[in-house]
Amino acid sequence: MLRTAIAFLALALSVASAKSYTVESTLPMVLAGTELMAGSYTLNLEGDKISVKQGKTTFQASVRVETGTDKIRATSFRCEQVDGKYHIREIRLGGTNLKLVLL
């Protein structure tokens, strides 16, 4: 049975450039089939793809970028719980009006 959970985590967002963000997760999650442990990640938005990097590990995922009218206060993930693991379905980037929907 699938259960939807919204994970509003203690996340930090810092803008390194117009399309590069640092996000920090306090829980392990799965993003595009790759399991992410709790920690800090660099997220680069490149058109309809994101590159996620932690240390020497980098992978990509396809996203649909949605632009809202209001600025998002804090970075958050919308997750779906499958087999006891949180699978990221959306990333809302704090300090922007961007929502990244995983495809």
N, C-alpha and C. Protein backbone atom coordinates (compact mmCIF):
# COMPACT_ATOMS: atom_id res chain seq x y z
N MET A 1 0.84 -1.17 0.00
CA MET A 1 0.00 0.00 0.00
C MET A 1 0.89 1.24 0.00
N LEU A 2 0.56 2.18 -0.87
CA LEU A 2 1.35 3.40 -0.96
C LEU A 2 0.77 4.46 -0.04
N ARG A 3 1.61 5.15 0.60
CA ARG A 3 1.17 6.22 1.48
C ARG A 3 1.97 7.46 1.15
N THR A 4 1.28 8.55 0.98
CA THR A 4 1.95 9.81 0.64
C THR A 4 2.32 10.54 1.91
N ALA A 5 3.54 11.00 1.94
CA ALA A 5 4.00 11.77 3.10
C ALA A 5 4.67 13.03 2.61
N ILE A 6 4.44 14.08 3.29
CA ILE A 6 5.14 15.33 2.97
C ILE A 6 6.21 15.50 4.03
N ALA A 7 7.42 15.55 3.57
CA ALA A 7 8.53 15.66 4.50
C ALA A 7 9.05 17.09 4.50
N PHE A 8 8.66 17.84 5.52
CA PHE A 8 9.21 19.18 5.69
C PHE A 8 10.37 19.00 6.65
N LEU A 9 11.55 19.01 6.12
CA LEU A 9 12.74 18.69 6.88
C LEU A 9 13.52 19.95 7.21
N ALA A 10 14.43 19.79 8.11
CA ALA A 10 15.33 20.89 8.39
C ALA A 10 16.33 20.93 7.25
N LEU A 11 16.06 21.79 6.30
CA LEU A 11 16.87 21.87 5.09
C LEU A 11 17.53 23.23 4.98
N ALA A 12 18.73 23.23 4.49
CA ALA A 12 19.39 24.51 4.25
C ALA A 12 19.48 24.71 2.75
N LEU A 13 19.30 25.93 2.33
CA LEU A 13 19.38 26.24 0.91
C LEU A 13 20.34 27.41 0.75
N SER A 14 21.34 27.22 -0.08
CA SER A 14 22.21 28.34 -0.39
C SER A 14 22.40 28.35 -1.89
N VAL A 15 22.39 29.53 -2.43
CA VAL A 15 22.49 29.66 -3.87
C VAL A 15 23.94 29.92 -4.24
N ALA A 16 24.56 28.98 -4.98
CA ALA A 16 25.94 29.15 -5.43
C ALA A 16 25.97 29.89 -6.76
N SER A 17 24.97 29.65 -7.60
CA SER A 17 24.79 30.39 -8.84
C SER A 17 23.30 30.39 -9.11
N ALA A 18 22.90 30.91 -10.24
CA ALA A 18 21.47 31.02 -10.55
C ALA A 18 20.78 29.66 -10.58
N LYS A 19 21.50 28.59 -10.87
CA LYS A 19 20.87 27.28 -11.03
C LYS A 19 21.50 26.20 -10.15
N SER A 20 22.28 26.57 -9.16
CA SER A 20 22.93 25.59 -8.29
C SER A 20 22.49 25.83 -6.85
N TYR A 21 22.12 24.74 -6.17
CA TYR A 21 21.59 24.84 -4.81
C TYR A 21 22.23 23.77 -3.94
N THR A 22 22.36 24.06 -2.66
CA THR A 22 22.80 23.07 -1.69
C THR A 22 21.61 22.76 -0.81
N VAL A 23 21.25 21.48 -0.73
CA VAL A 23 20.15 21.05 0.13
C VAL A 23 20.68 20.05 1.13
N GLU A 24 20.08 20.05 2.30
CA GLU A 24 20.51 19.15 3.36
C GLU A 24 19.31 18.38 3.88
N SER A 25 19.44 17.07 3.93
CA SER A 25 18.35 16.22 4.39
C SER A 25 18.73 15.56 5.71
N THR A 26 17.75 15.43 6.58
CA THR A 26 17.99 14.76 7.86
C THR A 26 17.51 13.31 7.84
N LEU A 27 16.89 12.89 6.73
CA LEU A 27 16.39 11.52 6.59
C LEU A 27 16.93 10.89 5.32
N PRO A 28 17.10 9.57 5.30
CA PRO A 28 17.44 8.92 4.03
C PRO A 28 16.22 8.92 3.11
N MET A 29 16.47 9.11 1.80
CA MET A 29 15.40 9.15 0.81
C MET A 29 15.90 8.53 -0.49
N VAL A 30 14.96 8.27 -1.38
CA VAL A 30 15.30 7.72 -2.70
C VAL A 30 14.92 8.77 -3.74
N LEU A 31 15.86 9.07 -4.63
CA LEU A 31 15.64 10.03 -5.70
C LEU A 31 15.99 9.37 -7.02
N ALA A 32 14.99 9.18 -7.87
CA ALA A 32 15.18 8.58 -9.20
C ALA A 32 15.91 7.24 -9.11
N GLY A 33 15.53 6.43 -8.12
CA GLY A 33 16.10 5.10 -7.97
C GLY A 33 17.41 5.04 -7.20
N THR A 34 17.97 6.18 -6.84
CA THR A 34 19.22 6.23 -6.09
C THR A 34 18.93 6.57 -4.64
N GLU A 35 19.43 5.75 -3.73
CA GLU A 35 19.19 5.99 -2.31
C GLU A 35 20.17 7.03 -1.79
N LEU A 36 19.61 8.06 -1.17
CA LEU A 36 20.40 9.14 -0.59
C LEU A 36 20.39 9.00 0.92
N MET A 37 21.54 9.02 1.50
CA MET A 37 21.61 9.00 2.95
C MET A 37 21.43 10.42 3.45
N ALA A 38 21.15 10.58 4.72
CA ALA A 38 21.02 11.92 5.29
C ALA A 38 22.34 12.65 5.07
N GLY A 39 22.24 13.93 4.73
CA GLY A 39 23.45 14.71 4.51
C GLY A 39 23.22 15.87 3.57
N SER A 40 24.31 16.47 3.15
CA SER A 40 24.29 17.65 2.31
C SER A 40 24.57 17.26 0.85
N TYR A 41 23.80 17.84 -0.06
CA TYR A 41 23.90 17.54 -1.49
C TYR A 41 23.91 18.83 -2.29
N THR A 42 24.66 18.82 -3.39
CA THR A 42 24.62 19.92 -4.34
C THR A 42 23.68 19.53 -5.47
N LEU A 43 22.73 20.39 -5.77
CA LEU A 43 21.74 20.13 -6.80
C LEU A 43 21.93 21.20 -7.89
N ASN A 44 22.21 20.76 -9.11
CA ASN A 44 22.35 21.67 -10.24
C ASN A 44 21.17 21.47 -11.17
N LEU A 45 20.47 22.55 -11.46
CA LEU A 45 19.32 22.52 -12.35
C LEU A 45 19.79 22.91 -13.74
N GLU A 46 19.60 22.01 -14.70
CA GLU A 46 20.05 22.22 -16.07
C GLU A 46 18.88 21.91 -17.00
N GLY A 47 18.04 22.89 -17.26
CA GLY A 47 16.87 22.68 -18.12
C GLY A 47 15.88 21.76 -17.45
N ASP A 48 15.65 20.58 -18.05
CA ASP A 48 14.70 19.62 -17.48
C ASP A 48 15.40 18.46 -16.76
N LYS A 49 16.65 18.69 -16.33
CA LYS A 49 17.41 17.68 -15.59
C LYS A 49 18.03 18.32 -14.36
N ILE A 50 18.17 17.50 -13.33
CA ILE A 50 18.95 17.91 -12.17
C ILE A 50 20.11 16.95 -12.02
N SER A 51 21.25 17.49 -11.65
CA SER A 51 22.41 16.69 -11.28
C SER A 51 22.55 16.81 -9.78
N VAL A 52 22.66 15.67 -9.12
CA VAL A 52 22.77 15.65 -7.67
C VAL A 52 24.14 15.09 -7.32
N LYS A 53 24.87 15.79 -6.46
CA LYS A 53 26.24 15.39 -6.13
C LYS A 53 26.45 15.40 -4.64
N GLN A 54 27.08 14.33 -4.16
CA GLN A 54 27.57 14.28 -2.78
C GLN A 54 28.94 13.63 -2.84
N GLY A 55 29.94 14.35 -2.42
CA GLY A 55 31.30 13.83 -2.52
C GLY A 55 31.65 13.55 -3.97
N LYS A 56 32.08 12.32 -4.27
CA LYS A 56 32.44 11.95 -5.63
C LYS A 56 31.28 11.32 -6.40
N THR A 57 30.16 11.12 -5.74
CA THR A 57 29.01 10.48 -6.36
C THR A 57 28.10 11.53 -6.99
N THR A 58 27.79 11.34 -8.29
CA THR A 58 26.89 12.24 -9.01
C THR A 58 25.92 11.40 -9.83
N PHE A 59 24.66 11.83 -9.89
CA PHE A 59 23.69 11.18 -10.77
C PHE A 59 22.71 12.22 -11.25
N GLN A 60 21.95 11.87 -12.30
CA GLN A 60 20.99 12.80 -12.87
C GLN A 60 19.58 12.25 -12.78
N ALA A 61 18.62 13.16 -12.81
CA ALA A 61 17.20 12.80 -12.83
C ALA A 61 16.47 13.80 -13.70
N SER A 62 15.42 13.34 -14.36
CA SER A 62 14.58 14.21 -15.18
C SER A 62 13.52 14.86 -14.30
N VAL A 63 13.27 16.14 -14.54
CA VAL A 63 12.27 16.89 -13.78
C VAL A 63 11.42 17.75 -14.70
N ARG A 64 10.28 18.12 -14.20
CA ARG A 64 9.47 19.15 -14.83
C ARG A 64 9.54 20.35 -13.89
N VAL A 65 10.01 21.48 -14.41
CA VAL A 65 10.16 22.68 -13.59
C VAL A 65 8.86 23.47 -13.65
N GLU A 66 8.28 23.74 -12.49
CA GLU A 66 7.06 24.54 -12.40
C GLU A 66 7.40 25.82 -11.65
N THR A 67 6.97 26.94 -12.21
CA THR A 67 7.23 28.24 -11.61
C THR A 67 5.93 28.77 -11.02
N GLY A 68 5.95 29.04 -9.73
CA GLY A 68 4.77 29.57 -9.05
C GLY A 68 4.83 31.08 -8.98
N THR A 69 3.80 31.67 -8.42
CA THR A 69 3.76 33.12 -8.28
C THR A 69 4.33 33.59 -6.95
N ASP A 70 4.32 32.71 -5.95
CA ASP A 70 4.80 33.08 -4.61
C ASP A 70 6.15 32.45 -4.32
N LYS A 71 6.96 33.17 -3.55
CA LYS A 71 8.26 32.66 -3.13
C LYS A 71 8.06 31.57 -2.08
N ILE A 72 8.79 30.49 -2.20
CA ILE A 72 8.72 29.36 -1.26
C ILE A 72 9.61 29.70 -0.06
N ARG A 73 9.06 29.59 1.13
CA ARG A 73 9.79 29.98 2.35
C ARG A 73 10.97 29.07 2.66
N ALA A 74 10.74 27.77 2.64
CA ALA A 74 11.78 26.81 3.02
C ALA A 74 11.77 25.64 2.05
N THR A 75 12.94 25.10 1.79
CA THR A 75 13.04 23.94 0.92
C THR A 75 12.33 22.76 1.56
N SER A 76 11.58 22.04 0.74
CA SER A 76 10.89 20.85 1.24
C SER A 76 10.79 19.82 0.14
N PHE A 77 10.60 18.60 0.56
CA PHE A 77 10.41 17.48 -0.36
C PHE A 77 9.00 16.94 -0.18
N ARG A 78 8.37 16.58 -1.26
CA ARG A 78 7.11 15.83 -1.20
C ARG A 78 7.50 14.40 -1.55
N CYS A 79 7.20 13.49 -0.64
CA CYS A 79 7.64 12.11 -0.78
C CYS A 79 6.47 11.14 -0.77
N GLU A 80 6.73 9.96 -1.30
CA GLU A 80 5.77 8.87 -1.25
C GLU A 80 6.49 7.71 -0.57
N GLN A 81 5.86 7.13 0.43
CA GLN A 81 6.48 6.04 1.14
C GLN A 81 6.16 4.72 0.44
N VAL A 82 7.21 4.01 0.02
CA VAL A 82 7.07 2.72 -0.64
C VAL A 82 8.03 1.74 0.05
N ASP A 83 7.49 0.64 0.55
CA ASP A 83 8.30 -0.38 1.23
C ASP A 83 9.19 0.22 2.33
N GLY A 84 8.64 1.17 3.07
CA GLY A 84 9.37 1.74 4.19
C GLY A 84 10.39 2.79 3.83
N LYS A 85 10.52 3.17 2.55
CA LYS A 85 11.48 4.19 2.13
C LYS A 85 10.73 5.37 1.54
N TYR A 86 11.27 6.56 1.76
CA TYR A 86 10.67 7.77 1.22
C TYR A 86 11.25 8.05 -0.17
N HIS A 87 10.37 8.05 -1.17
CA HIS A 87 10.76 8.33 -2.55
C HIS A 87 10.37 9.77 -2.86
N ILE A 88 11.34 10.59 -3.24
CA ILE A 88 11.09 12.00 -3.53
C ILE A 88 10.29 12.12 -4.82
N ARG A 89 9.19 12.87 -4.77
CA ARG A 89 8.35 13.13 -5.95
C ARG A 89 8.44 14.58 -6.38
N GLU A 90 8.71 15.49 -5.42
CA GLU A 90 8.84 16.93 -5.71
C GLU A 90 9.89 17.53 -4.80
N ILE A 91 10.56 18.54 -5.32
CA ILE A 91 11.46 19.34 -4.51
C ILE A 91 11.02 20.79 -4.68
N ARG A 92 10.71 21.44 -3.58
CA ARG A 92 10.33 22.85 -3.60
C ARG A 92 11.49 23.63 -3.02
N LEU A 93 12.07 24.51 -3.84
CA LEU A 93 13.30 25.19 -3.48
C LEU A 93 13.02 26.49 -2.74
N GLY A 94 13.38 26.50 -1.45
CA GLY A 94 13.19 27.68 -0.62
C GLY A 94 13.96 28.88 -1.16
N GLY A 95 13.36 30.06 -1.05
CA GLY A 95 13.98 31.28 -1.52
C GLY A 95 13.74 31.53 -3.01
N THR A 96 13.02 30.60 -3.66
CA THR A 96 12.68 30.73 -5.09
C THR A 96 11.18 30.53 -5.24
N ASN A 97 10.72 30.53 -6.47
CA ASN A 97 9.34 30.17 -6.75
C ASN A 97 9.29 28.89 -7.60
N LEU A 98 10.34 28.04 -7.47
CA LEU A 98 10.48 26.84 -8.28
C LEU A 98 10.06 25.57 -7.55
N LYS A 99 9.33 24.74 -8.27
CA LYS A 99 8.98 23.39 -7.81
C LYS A 99 9.49 22.44 -8.88
N LEU A 100 10.28 21.45 -8.47
CA LEU A 100 10.83 20.45 -9.38
C LEU A 100 10.05 19.16 -9.19
N VAL A 101 9.33 18.72 -10.21
CA VAL A 101 8.54 17.50 -10.15
C VAL A 101 9.33 16.40 -10.84
N LEU A 102 9.63 15.33 -10.09
CA LEU A 102 10.41 14.22 -10.66
C LEU A 102 9.56 13.46 -11.65
N LEU A 103 10.14 13.10 -12.79
CA LEU A 103 9.43 12.36 -13.82
C LEU A 103 9.77 10.88 -13.75
